Amino acid sequence: MPVKYLSQEWIDAYNAALAGDAVRSALKGKSAALQMVISDAPQGEIRYWLRIADGGAEAGLGDADGADVTIRQSYETSAQVNSGELDGQKAFTQGKVKIGGKMLKMMQLRGPLAQVQTALAGIDTEY
């Protein structure tokens, strides 16, 4: 049964996907706190976070304490990236995604976050 994108059920499925061996391996030795801000969602602005700590990761709704990086995008762009219709790097170069904070940290996470994205693709999501 599909889960509604950006709902608590989606966050729960996201956390389950983050527990996979491929994601844990990709995140080994990495640490960061990412804040996502999604504008123009059907329910208004949505804020959620991803905290990475040496092979583990956890996501939640709301604001991250001490975020290293803040990623801002519209609901449409976020849904396209999450569903695999649009590459996240391409969305950034097209100006559809705004990144603030520690850019070096973000660059170091490109590969591991690609593995996270692959895991998220396995979530049956309703947009």
Protein backbone atom coordinates (compact mmCIF):
# COMPACT_ATOMS: atom_id res chain seq x y z
CA MET A 1 0.00 0.00 0.00
CA PRO A 2 1.52 3.34 -0.99
CA VAL A 3 2.45 5.95 1.61
CA LYS A 4 1.71 9.67 1.12
CA TYR A 5 4.88 11.59 0.22
CA LEU A 6 6.28 13.65 3.12
CA SER A 7 3.84 12.15 5.65
CA GLN A 8 4.90 10.51 8.93
CA GLU A 9 4.29 7.12 7.26
CA TRP A 10 6.71 8.11 4.48
CA ILE A 11 9.29 9.16 7.10
CA ASP A 12 8.84 5.75 8.79
CA ALA A 13 9.41 3.99 5.44
CA TYR A 14 12.41 6.31 4.81
CA ASN A 15 13.94 5.24 8.14
CA ALA A 16 13.38 1.57 7.29
CA ALA A 17 15.13 2.13 3.92
CA LEU A 18 18.04 3.86 5.68
CA ALA A 19 18.62 0.73 7.79
CA GLY A 20 19.60 -1.32 4.72
CA ASP A 21 23.15 -2.68 4.45
CA ALA A 22 23.95 -0.83 1.19
CA VAL A 23 22.99 2.52 2.73
CA ARG A 24 24.85 1.81 5.98
CA SER A 25 27.96 0.85 4.01
CA ALA A 26 27.77 4.00 1.83
CA LEU A 27 27.42 6.22 4.92
CA LYS A 28 30.27 4.62 6.91
CA GLY A 29 32.64 7.28 8.19
CA LYS A 30 30.30 10.15 7.24
CA SER A 31 28.46 12.55 9.50
CA ALA A 32 26.12 15.43 8.70
CA ALA A 33 22.79 16.98 9.53
CA LEU A 34 20.72 17.98 6.49
CA GLN A 35 17.62 20.14 6.67
CA MET A 36 15.11 19.86 3.83
CA VAL A 37 12.59 22.63 3.19
CA ILE A 38 9.86 21.79 0.68
CA SER A 39 7.69 24.70 -0.47
CA ASP A 40 4.32 24.61 -2.21
CA ALA A 41 3.35 21.16 -0.89
CA PRO A 42 -0.41 20.43 -0.84
CA GLN A 43 -0.29 20.79 2.98
CA GLY A 44 1.95 23.91 2.90
CA GLU A 45 5.67 24.10 3.64
CA ILE A 46 7.13 20.81 4.84
CA ARG A 47 10.39 20.60 6.76
CA TYR A 48 12.23 17.37 7.44
CA TRP A 49 15.76 16.38 8.32
CA LEU A 50 18.31 13.65 7.71
CA ARG A 51 21.01 13.02 10.30
CA ILE A 52 23.97 10.84 9.28
CA ALA A 53 26.38 9.44 11.88
CA ASP A 54 29.09 6.93 10.85
CA GLY A 55 27.08 4.39 8.93
CA GLY A 56 23.75 5.13 10.51
CA ALA A 57 21.10 7.59 9.46
CA GLU A 58 17.75 8.77 10.70
CA ALA A 59 15.10 11.09 9.25
CA GLY A 60 12.29 13.01 10.89
CA LEU A 61 9.73 15.72 10.32
CA GLY A 62 10.53 19.22 11.58
CA ASP A 63 13.81 21.06 12.02
CA ALA A 64 17.26 19.61 12.64
CA ASP A 65 19.31 21.07 15.46
CA GLY A 66 22.60 22.39 14.08
CA ALA A 67 22.02 21.53 10.42
CA ASP A 68 25.22 21.57 8.33
CA VAL A 69 23.31 22.01 5.08
CA THR A 70 19.85 23.31 4.17
CA ILE A 71 18.29 22.14 0.90
CA ARG A 72 15.32 24.13 -0.43
CA GLN A 73 13.08 23.09 -3.31
CA SER A 74 9.50 23.09 -4.45
CA TYR A 75 7.20 20.13 -3.85
CA GLU A 76 7.13 19.47 -7.59
CA THR A 77 10.93 19.30 -7.84
CA SER A 78 11.23 17.23 -4.66
CA ALA A 79 8.63 14.73 -5.89
CA GLN A 80 10.38 14.47 -9.29
CA VAL A 81 13.77 13.85 -7.65
CA ASN A 82 12.32 11.38 -5.14
CA SER A 83 10.50 9.42 -7.85
CA GLY A 84 13.60 9.30 -10.07
CA GLU A 85 12.07 11.46 -12.84
CA LEU A 86 14.71 14.16 -12.24
CA ASP A 87 18.34 13.75 -11.18
CA GLY A 88 19.13 15.74 -8.02
CA GLN A 89 22.40 17.08 -9.47
CA LYS A 90 20.58 18.24 -12.60
CA ALA A 91 17.86 19.91 -10.50
CA PHE A 92 20.60 21.80 -8.63
CA THR A 93 22.38 22.94 -11.80
CA GLN A 94 19.02 24.05 -13.24
CA GLY A 95 18.46 26.22 -10.15
CA LYS A 96 15.47 24.17 -8.97
CA VAL A 97 17.28 23.18 -5.77
CA LYS A 98 18.97 25.73 -3.50
CA ILE A 99 21.67 24.53 -1.11
CA GLY A 100 22.95 26.61 1.78
CA GLY A 101 25.52 25.91 4.47
CA LYS A 102 28.63 23.78 4.26
CA MET A 103 29.02 23.07 0.55
CA LEU A 104 32.18 20.97 1.06
CA LYS A 105 30.20 18.67 3.36
CA MET A 106 27.50 18.38 0.68
CA MET A 107 30.08 17.55 -1.99
CA GLN A 108 31.53 14.79 0.22
CA LEU A 109 28.06 13.27 0.56
CA ARG A 110 27.23 13.11 -3.16
CA GLY A 111 28.02 9.41 -3.52
CA PRO A 112 26.47 8.27 -0.24
CA LEU A 113 23.33 10.31 -0.88
CA ALA A 114 22.97 8.66 -4.28
CA GLN A 115 22.80 5.33 -2.41
CA VAL A 116 20.17 6.81 -0.07
CA GLN A 117 18.18 7.92 -3.14
CA THR A 118 18.37 4.40 -4.57
CA ALA A 119 16.97 3.02 -1.31
CA LEU A 120 14.16 5.61 -1.31
CA ALA A 121 13.14 4.51 -4.79
CA GLY A 122 11.96 1.26 -3.21
CA ILE A 123 9.27 3.04 -1.17
CA ASP A 124 5.80 2.75 -2.73
CA THR A 125 4.96 6.46 -2.64
CA GLU A 126 1.80 8.37 -3.52
CA TYR A 127 2.40 11.96 -4.67
